[in-house]
Amino acid sequence: MTTIIGVKLTDRAESSIEFQQILTKFGCSIQTRIGLHHSQNGVCTNTGIVLLDVADDCSELIEELSKHWAVQTMKFD
């Protein structure tokens, strides 16, 4: 089973270190990571979305991310 996790980071610059530490902890389960953010007039906004393609049971990762950020998941067989 594959799970896609979407995480909305509202304080992207301030929370990037904590976010990266969580991803490193669960790194063996994360197959793909895609970060999306917008820019205005050549300056990055402080809001972004990260998409994670996760294998295996990822309930602990979802729980950990949900403590800090808005999270949505989609599962595929």
PDB file of N, CA and C in Angstrom:
ATOM      1  N   MET A   1       0.839  -1.172   0.000  1.00  0.00           N
ATOM      2  CA  MET A   1       0.000   0.000   0.000  1.00  0.00           C
ATOM      3  C   MET A   1       0.890   1.243   0.000  1.00  0.00           C
ATOM      4  N   THR A   2       0.464   2.251  -0.712  1.00  0.00           N
ATOM      5  CA  THR A   2       1.151   3.541  -0.748  1.00  0.00           C
ATOM      6  C   THR A   2       0.249   4.589  -0.131  1.00  0.00           C
ATOM      7  N   THR A   3       0.818   5.466   0.638  1.00  0.00           N
ATOM      8  CA  THR A   3       0.092   6.572   1.237  1.00  0.00           C
ATOM      9  C   THR A   3       0.755   7.870   0.808  1.00  0.00           C
ATOM     10  N   ILE A   4      -0.059   8.823   0.370  1.00  0.00           N
ATOM     11  CA  ILE A   4       0.420  10.163   0.073  1.00  0.00           C
ATOM     12  C   ILE A   4      -0.013  11.050   1.231  1.00  0.00           C
ATOM     13  N   ILE A   5       0.945  11.744   1.823  1.00  0.00           N
ATOM     14  CA  ILE A   5       0.671  12.652   2.935  1.00  0.00           C
ATOM     15  C   ILE A   5       0.948  14.075   2.451  1.00  0.00           C
ATOM     16  N   GLY A   6      -0.014  14.951   2.637  1.00  0.00           N
ATOM     17  CA  GLY A   6       0.165  16.361   2.340  1.00  0.00           C
ATOM     18  C   GLY A   6       0.264  17.129   3.645  1.00  0.00           C
ATOM     19  N   VAL A   7       1.307  17.947   3.781  1.00  0.00           N
ATOM     20  CA  VAL A   7       1.533  18.724   5.008  1.00  0.00           C
ATOM     21  C   VAL A   7       1.595  20.195   4.627  1.00  0.00           C
ATOM     22  N   LYS A   8       0.767  21.018   5.267  1.00  0.00           N
ATOM     23  CA  LYS A   8       0.793  22.456   5.018  1.00  0.00           C
ATOM     24  C   LYS A   8       1.638  23.120   6.097  1.00  0.00           C
ATOM     25  N   LEU A   9       2.713  23.754   5.668  1.00  0.00           N
ATOM     26  CA  LEU A   9       3.598  24.475   6.575  1.00  0.00           C
ATOM     27  C   LEU A   9       3.265  25.956   6.483  1.00  0.00           C
ATOM     28  N   THR A  10       2.780  26.531   7.566  1.00  0.00           N
ATOM     29  CA  THR A  10       2.395  27.941   7.538  1.00  0.00           C
ATOM     30  C   THR A  10       3.528  28.860   7.967  1.00  0.00           C
ATOM     31  N   ASP A  11       4.482  28.362   8.701  1.00  0.00           N
ATOM     32  CA  ASP A  11       5.675  29.119   9.084  1.00  0.00           C
ATOM     33  C   ASP A  11       6.877  28.361   8.560  1.00  0.00           C
ATOM     34  N   ARG A  12       6.954  28.281   7.250  1.00  0.00           N
ATOM     35  CA  ARG A  12       7.928  27.422   6.582  1.00  0.00           C
ATOM     36  C   ARG A  12       9.359  27.679   7.046  1.00  0.00           C
ATOM     37  N   ALA A  13       9.772  28.899   7.075  1.00  0.00           N
ATOM     38  CA  ALA A  13      11.163  29.213   7.459  1.00  0.00           C
ATOM     39  C   ALA A  13      11.428  28.867   8.916  1.00  0.00           C
ATOM     40  N   GLU A  14      10.464  29.143   9.790  1.00  0.00           N
ATOM     41  CA  GLU A  14      10.650  28.911  11.220  1.00  0.00           C
ATOM     42  C   GLU A  14      10.564  27.434  11.605  1.00  0.00           C
ATOM     43  N   SER A  15       9.785  26.657  10.863  1.00  0.00           N
ATOM     44  CA  SER A  15       9.552  25.268  11.259  1.00  0.00           C
ATOM     45  C   SER A  15      10.360  24.254  10.451  1.00  0.00           C
ATOM     46  N   SER A  16      11.201  24.705   9.548  1.00  0.00           N
ATOM     47  CA  SER A  16      11.892  23.780   8.654  1.00  0.00           C
ATOM     48  C   SER A  16      12.830  22.821   9.394  1.00  0.00           C
ATOM     49  N   ILE A  17      13.489  23.277  10.442  1.00  0.00           N
ATOM     50  CA  ILE A  17      14.414  22.396  11.169  1.00  0.00           C
ATOM     51  C   ILE A  17      13.655  21.276  11.873  1.00  0.00           C
ATOM     52  N   GLU A  18      12.581  21.622  12.574  1.00  0.00           N
ATOM     53  CA  GLU A  18      11.780  20.609  13.259  1.00  0.00           C
ATOM     54  C   GLU A  18      11.146  19.644  12.264  1.00  0.00           C
ATOM     55  N   PHE A  19      10.655  20.181  11.155  1.00  0.00           N
ATOM     56  CA  PHE A  19      10.049  19.349  10.118  1.00  0.00           C
ATOM     57  C   PHE A  19      11.073  18.364   9.559  1.00  0.00           C
ATOM     58  N   GLN A  20      12.270  18.839   9.266  1.00  0.00           N
ATOM     59  CA  GLN A  20      13.319  17.971   8.728  1.00  0.00           C
ATOM     60  C   GLN A  20      13.717  16.893   9.725  1.00  0.00           C
ATOM     61  N   GLN A  21      13.751  17.215  11.006  1.00  0.00           N
ATOM     62  CA  GLN A  21      14.095  16.214  12.024  1.00  0.00           C
ATOM     63  C   GLN A  21      13.068  15.080  12.040  1.00  0.00           C
ATOM     64  N   ILE A  22      11.791  15.428  11.908  1.00  0.00           N
ATOM     65  CA  ILE A  22      10.749  14.394  11.872  1.00  0.00           C
ATOM     66  C   ILE A  22      10.901  13.541  10.626  1.00  0.00           C
ATOM     67  N   LEU A  23      11.147  14.163   9.484  1.00  0.00           N
ATOM     68  CA  LEU A  23      11.314  13.394   8.246  1.00  0.00           C
ATOM     69  C   LEU A  23      12.538  12.480   8.321  1.00  0.00           C
ATOM     70  N   THR A  24      13.593  12.938   8.937  1.00  0.00           N
ATOM     71  CA  THR A  24      14.796  12.113   9.081  1.00  0.00           C
ATOM     72  C   THR A  24      14.509  10.891   9.944  1.00  0.00           C
ATOM     73  N   LYS A  25      13.744  11.085  11.008  1.00  0.00           N
ATOM     74  CA  LYS A  25      13.383   9.977  11.902  1.00  0.00           C
ATOM     75  C   LYS A  25      12.641   8.876  11.151  1.00  0.00           C
ATOM     76  N   PHE A  26      11.800   9.259  10.188  1.00  0.00           N
ATOM     77  CA  PHE A  26      10.993   8.294   9.443  1.00  0.00           C
ATOM     78  C   PHE A  26      11.499   8.109   8.010  1.00  0.00           C
ATOM     79  N   GLY A  27      12.748   8.472   7.770  1.00  0.00           N
ATOM     80  CA  GLY A  27      13.306   8.500   6.423  1.00  0.00           C
ATOM     81  C   GLY A  27      13.236   7.191   5.658  1.00  0.00           C
ATOM     82  N   CYS A  28      13.348   6.063   6.323  1.00  0.00           N
ATOM     83  CA  CYS A  28      13.336   4.779   5.616  1.00  0.00           C
ATOM     84  C   CYS A  28      11.965   4.452   5.027  1.00  0.00           C
ATOM     85  N   SER A  29      10.916   5.082   5.539  1.00  0.00           N
ATOM     86  CA  SER A  29       9.561   4.835   5.023  1.00  0.00           C
ATOM     87  C   SER A  29       9.160   5.826   3.938  1.00  0.00           C
ATOM     88  N   ILE A  30       9.892   6.929   3.791  1.00  0.00           N
ATOM     89  CA  ILE A  30       9.538   7.960   2.819  1.00  0.00           C
ATOM     90  C   ILE A  30      10.239   7.664   1.505  1.00  0.00           C
ATOM     91  N   GLN A  31       9.435   7.407   0.460  1.00  0.00           N
ATOM     92  CA  GLN A  31      10.001   7.085  -0.839  1.00  0.00           C
ATOM     93  C   GLN A  31      10.240   8.335  -1.690  1.00  0.00           C
ATOM     94  N   THR A  32       9.327   9.301  -1.586  1.00  0.00           N
ATOM     95  CA  THR A  32       9.437  10.527  -2.382  1.00  0.00           C
ATOM     96  C   THR A  32       8.991  11.706  -1.539  1.00  0.00           C
ATOM     97  N   ARG A  33       9.681  12.821  -1.698  1.00  0.00           N
ATOM     98  CA  ARG A  33       9.327  14.062  -0.997  1.00  0.00           C
ATOM     99  C   ARG A  33       9.338  15.186  -2.019  1.00  0.00           C
ATOM    100  N   ILE A  34       8.234  15.937  -2.081  1.00  0.00           N
ATOM    101  CA  ILE A  34       8.123  17.062  -3.005  1.00  0.00           C
ATOM    102  C   ILE A  34       7.676  18.281  -2.209  1.00  0.00           C
ATOM    103  N   GLY A  35       8.443  19.355  -2.284  1.00  0.00           N
ATOM    104  CA  GLY A  35       8.098  20.593  -1.600  1.00  0.00           C
ATOM    105  C   GLY A  35       7.598  21.632  -2.584  1.00  0.00           C
ATOM    106  N   LEU A  36       6.488  22.280  -2.259  1.00  0.00           N
ATOM    107  CA  LEU A  36       5.888  23.295  -3.123  1.00  0.00           C
ATOM    108  C   LEU A  36       5.705  24.579  -2.341  1.00  0.00           C
ATOM    109  N   HIS A  37       6.119  25.688  -2.903  1.00  0.00           N
ATOM    110  CA  HIS A  37       5.854  26.985  -2.292  1.00  0.00           C
ATOM    111  C   HIS A  37       5.757  28.028  -3.395  1.00  0.00           C
ATOM    112  N   HIS A  38       5.071  29.087  -3.098  1.00  0.00           N
ATOM    113  CA  HIS A  38       4.879  30.160  -4.074  1.00  0.00           C
ATOM    114  C   HIS A  38       5.860  31.284  -3.794  1.00  0.00           C
ATOM    115  N   SER A  39       6.090  32.080  -4.809  1.00  0.00           N
ATOM    116  CA  SER A  39       6.897  33.279  -4.613  1.00  0.00           C
ATOM    117  C   SER A  39       6.140  34.468  -5.203  1.00  0.00           C
ATOM    118  N   GLN A  40       6.358  35.611  -4.609  1.00  0.00           N
ATOM    119  CA  GLN A  40       5.755  36.844  -5.075  1.00  0.00           C
ATOM    120  C   GLN A  40       6.862  37.865  -5.261  1.00  0.00           C
ATOM    121  N   ASN A  41       6.958  38.407  -6.448  1.00  0.00           N
ATOM    122  CA  ASN A  41       7.995  39.393  -6.766  1.00  0.00           C
ATOM    123  C   ASN A  41       9.396  38.865  -6.456  1.00  0.00           C
ATOM    124  N   GLY A  42       9.621  37.585  -6.744  1.00  0.00           N
ATOM    125  CA  GLY A  42      10.928  36.991  -6.534  1.00  0.00           C
ATOM    126  C   GLY A  42      11.261  36.626  -5.106  1.00  0.00           C
ATOM    127  N   VAL A  43      10.298  36.767  -4.188  1.00  0.00           N
ATOM    128  CA  VAL A  43      10.512  36.440  -2.780  1.00  0.00           C
ATOM    129  C   VAL A  43       9.634  35.249  -2.408  1.00  0.00           C
ATOM    130  N   CYS A  44      10.223  34.228  -1.779  1.00  0.00           N
ATOM    131  CA  CYS A  44       9.463  33.047  -1.364  1.00  0.00           C
ATOM    132  C   CYS A  44       8.478  33.409  -0.259  1.00  0.00           C
ATOM    133  N   THR A  45       7.269  32.873  -0.348  1.00  0.00           N
ATOM    134  CA  THR A  45       6.309  33.060   0.734  1.00  0.00           C
ATOM    135  C   THR A  45       6.671  32.132   1.888  1.00  0.00           C
ATOM    136  N   ASN A  46       6.106  32.376   3.040  1.00  0.00           N
ATOM    137  CA  ASN A  46       6.413  31.589   4.233  1.00  0.00           C
ATOM    138  C   ASN A  46       5.441  30.425   4.410  1.00  0.00           C
ATOM    139  N   THR A  47       4.654  30.148   3.374  1.00  0.00           N
ATOM    140  CA  THR A  47       3.712  29.038   3.400  1.00  0.00           C
ATOM    141  C   THR A  47       4.101  28.047   2.315  1.00  0.00           C
ATOM    142  N   GLY A  48       4.001  26.772   2.633  1.00  0.00           N
ATOM    143  CA  GLY A  48       4.329  25.758   1.648  1.00  0.00           C
ATOM    144  C   GLY A  48       3.592  24.469   1.918  1.00  0.00           C
ATOM    145  N   ILE A  49       3.618  23.591   0.928  1.00  0.00           N
ATOM    146  CA  ILE A  49       3.026  22.260   1.050  1.00  0.00           C
ATOM    147  C   ILE A  49       4.104  21.244   0.708  1.00  0.00           C
ATOM    148  N   VAL A  50       4.191  20.208   1.520  1.00  0.00           N
ATOM    149  CA  VAL A  50       5.118  19.110   1.253  1.00  0.00           C
ATOM    150  C   VAL A  50       4.287  17.858   1.035  1.00  0.00           C
ATOM    151  N   LEU A  51       4.564  17.163  -0.061  1.00  0.00           N
ATOM    152  CA  LEU A  51       3.912  15.894  -0.360  1.00  0.00           C
ATOM    153  C   LEU A  51       4.904  14.776  -0.096  1.00  0.00           C
ATOM    154  N   LEU A  52       4.459  13.760   0.642  1.00  0.00           N
ATOM    155  CA  LEU A  52       5.302  12.616   0.977  1.00  0.00           C
ATOM    156  C   LEU A  52       4.654  11.353   0.432  1.00  0.00           C
ATOM    157  N   ASP A  53       5.405  10.564  -0.289  1.00  0.00           N
ATOM    158  CA  ASP A  53       4.992   9.249  -0.765  1.00  0.00           C
ATOM    159  C   ASP A  53       5.591   8.247   0.216  1.00  0.00           C
ATOM    160  N   VAL A  54       4.719   7.588   0.984  1.00  0.00           N
ATOM    161  CA  VAL A  54       5.182   6.765   2.105  1.00  0.00           C
ATOM    162  C   VAL A  54       4.748   5.323   1.917  1.00  0.00           C
ATOM    163  N   ALA A  55       5.669   4.406   2.170  1.00  0.00           N
ATOM    164  CA  ALA A  55       5.365   2.980   2.164  1.00  0.00           C
ATOM    165  C   ALA A  55       5.256   2.501   3.607  1.00  0.00           C
ATOM    166  N   ASP A  56       4.769   1.311   3.784  1.00  0.00           N
ATOM    167  CA  ASP A  56       4.664   0.706   5.117  1.00  0.00           C
ATOM    168  C   ASP A  56       3.591   1.411   5.952  1.00  0.00           C
ATOM    169  N   ASP A  57       3.535   1.055   7.214  1.00  0.00           N
ATOM    170  CA  ASP A  57       2.595   1.693   8.136  1.00  0.00           C
ATOM    171  C   ASP A  57       3.160   3.056   8.515  1.00  0.00           C
ATOM    172  N   CYS A  58       2.406   4.102   8.228  1.00  0.00           N
ATOM    173  CA  CYS A  58       2.912   5.456   8.471  1.00  0.00           C
ATOM    174  C   CYS A  58       2.081   6.182   9.519  1.00  0.00           C
ATOM    175  N   SER A  59       1.322   5.447  10.317  1.00  0.00           N
ATOM    176  CA  SER A  59       0.445   6.083  11.302  1.00  0.00           C
ATOM    177  C   SER A  59       1.228   6.898  12.328  1.00  0.00           C
ATOM    178  N   GLU A  60       2.399   6.432  12.725  1.00  0.00           N
ATOM    179  CA  GLU A  60       3.204   7.175  13.696  1.00  0.00           C
ATOM    180  C   GLU A  60       3.725   8.480  13.085  1.00  0.00           C
ATOM    181  N   LEU A  61       4.124   8.440  11.821  1.00  0.00           N
ATOM    182  CA  LEU A  61       4.577   9.646  11.129  1.00  0.00           C
ATOM    183  C   LEU A  61       3.434  10.653  11.013  1.00  0.00           C
ATOM    184  N   ILE A  62       2.252  10.192  10.626  1.00  0.00           N
ATOM    185  CA  ILE A  62       1.090  11.074  10.503  1.00  0.00           C
ATOM    186  C   ILE A  62       0.753  11.700  11.849  1.00  0.00           C
ATOM    187  N   GLU A  63       0.791  10.905  12.898  1.00  0.00           N
ATOM    188  CA  GLU A  63       0.506  11.407  14.243  1.00  0.00           C
ATOM    189  C   GLU A  63       1.510  12.494  14.649  1.00  0.00           C
ATOM    190  N   GLU A  64       2.786  12.256  14.387  1.00  0.00           N
ATOM    191  CA  GLU A  64       3.835  13.211  14.754  1.00  0.00           C
ATOM    192  C   GLU A  64       3.679  14.521  13.971  1.00  0.00           C
ATOM    193  N   LEU A  65       3.433  14.425  12.676  1.00  0.00           N
ATOM    194  CA  LEU A  65       3.262  15.624  11.850  1.00  0.00           C
ATOM    195  C   LEU A  65       2.016  16.403  12.254  1.00  0.00           C
ATOM    196  N   SER A  66       0.950  15.688  12.603  1.00  0.00           N
ATOM    197  CA  SER A  66      -0.327  16.325  12.958  1.00  0.00           C
ATOM    198  C   SER A  66      -0.249  17.139  14.243  1.00  0.00           C
ATOM    199  N   LYS A  67       0.747  16.888  15.071  1.00  0.00           N
ATOM    200  CA  LYS A  67       0.918  17.666  16.298  1.00  0.00           C
ATOM    201  C   LYS A  67       1.299  19.113  15.993  1.00  0.00           C
ATOM    202  N   HIS A  68       1.871  19.344  14.809  1.00  0.00           N
ATOM    203  CA  HIS A  68       2.427  20.653  14.485  1.00  0.00           C
ATOM    204  C   HIS A  68       1.779  21.337  13.274  1.00  0.00           C
ATOM    205  N   TRP A  69       1.297  20.531  12.323  1.00  0.00           N
ATOM    206  CA  TRP A  69       0.835  21.099  11.059  1.00  0.00           C
ATOM    207  C   TRP A  69      -0.457  20.432  10.594  1.00  0.00           C
ATOM    208  N   ALA A  70      -1.119  21.087   9.625  1.00  0.00           N
ATOM    209  CA  ALA A  70      -2.309  20.511   8.997  1.00  0.00           C
ATOM    210  C   ALA A  70      -1.853  19.390   8.069  1.00  0.00           C
ATOM    211  N   VAL A  71      -2.482  18.209   8.207  1.00  0.00           N
ATOM    212  CA  VAL A  71      -2.072  17.027   7.455  1.00  0.00           C
ATOM    213  C   VAL A  71      -3.299  16.390   6.814  1.00  0.00           C
ATOM    214  N   GLN A  72      -3.151  15.966   5.554  1.00  0.00           N
ATOM    215  CA  GLN A  72      -4.174  15.195   4.873  1.00  0.00           C
ATOM    216  C   GLN A  72      -3.507  13.975   4.246  1.00  0.00           C
ATOM    217  N   THR A  73      -4.228  12.860   4.207  1.00  0.00           N
ATOM    218  CA  THR A  73      -3.654  11.645   3.654  1.00  0.00           C
ATOM    219  C   THR A  73      -4.577  11.042   2.597  1.00  0.00           C
ATOM    220  N   MET A  74      -3.965  10.278   1.708  1.00  0.00           N
ATOM    221  CA  MET A  74      -4.696   9.543   0.677  1.00  0.00           C
ATOM    222  C   MET A  74      -3.989   8.200   0.515  1.00  0.00           C
ATOM    223  N   LYS A  75      -4.730   7.107   0.576  1.00  0.00           N
ATOM    224  CA  LYS A  75      -4.143   5.770   0.488  1.00  0.00           C
ATOM    225  C   LYS A  75      -4.484   5.114  -0.846  1.00  0.00           C
ATOM    226  N   PHE A  76      -3.515   4.381  -1.395  1.00  0.00           N
ATOM    227  CA  PHE A  76      -3.663   3.648  -2.648  1.00  0.00           C
ATOM    228  C   PHE A  76      -3.241   2.214  -2.431  1.00  0.00           C
ATOM    229  N   ASP A  77      -3.965   1.287  -3.036  1.00  0.00           N
ATOM    230  CA  ASP A  77      -3.574  -0.139  -2.962  1.00  0.00           C
ATOM    231  C   ASP A  77      -2.513  -0.442  -3.987  1.00  0.00           C
TER     232      ASP A  77
END
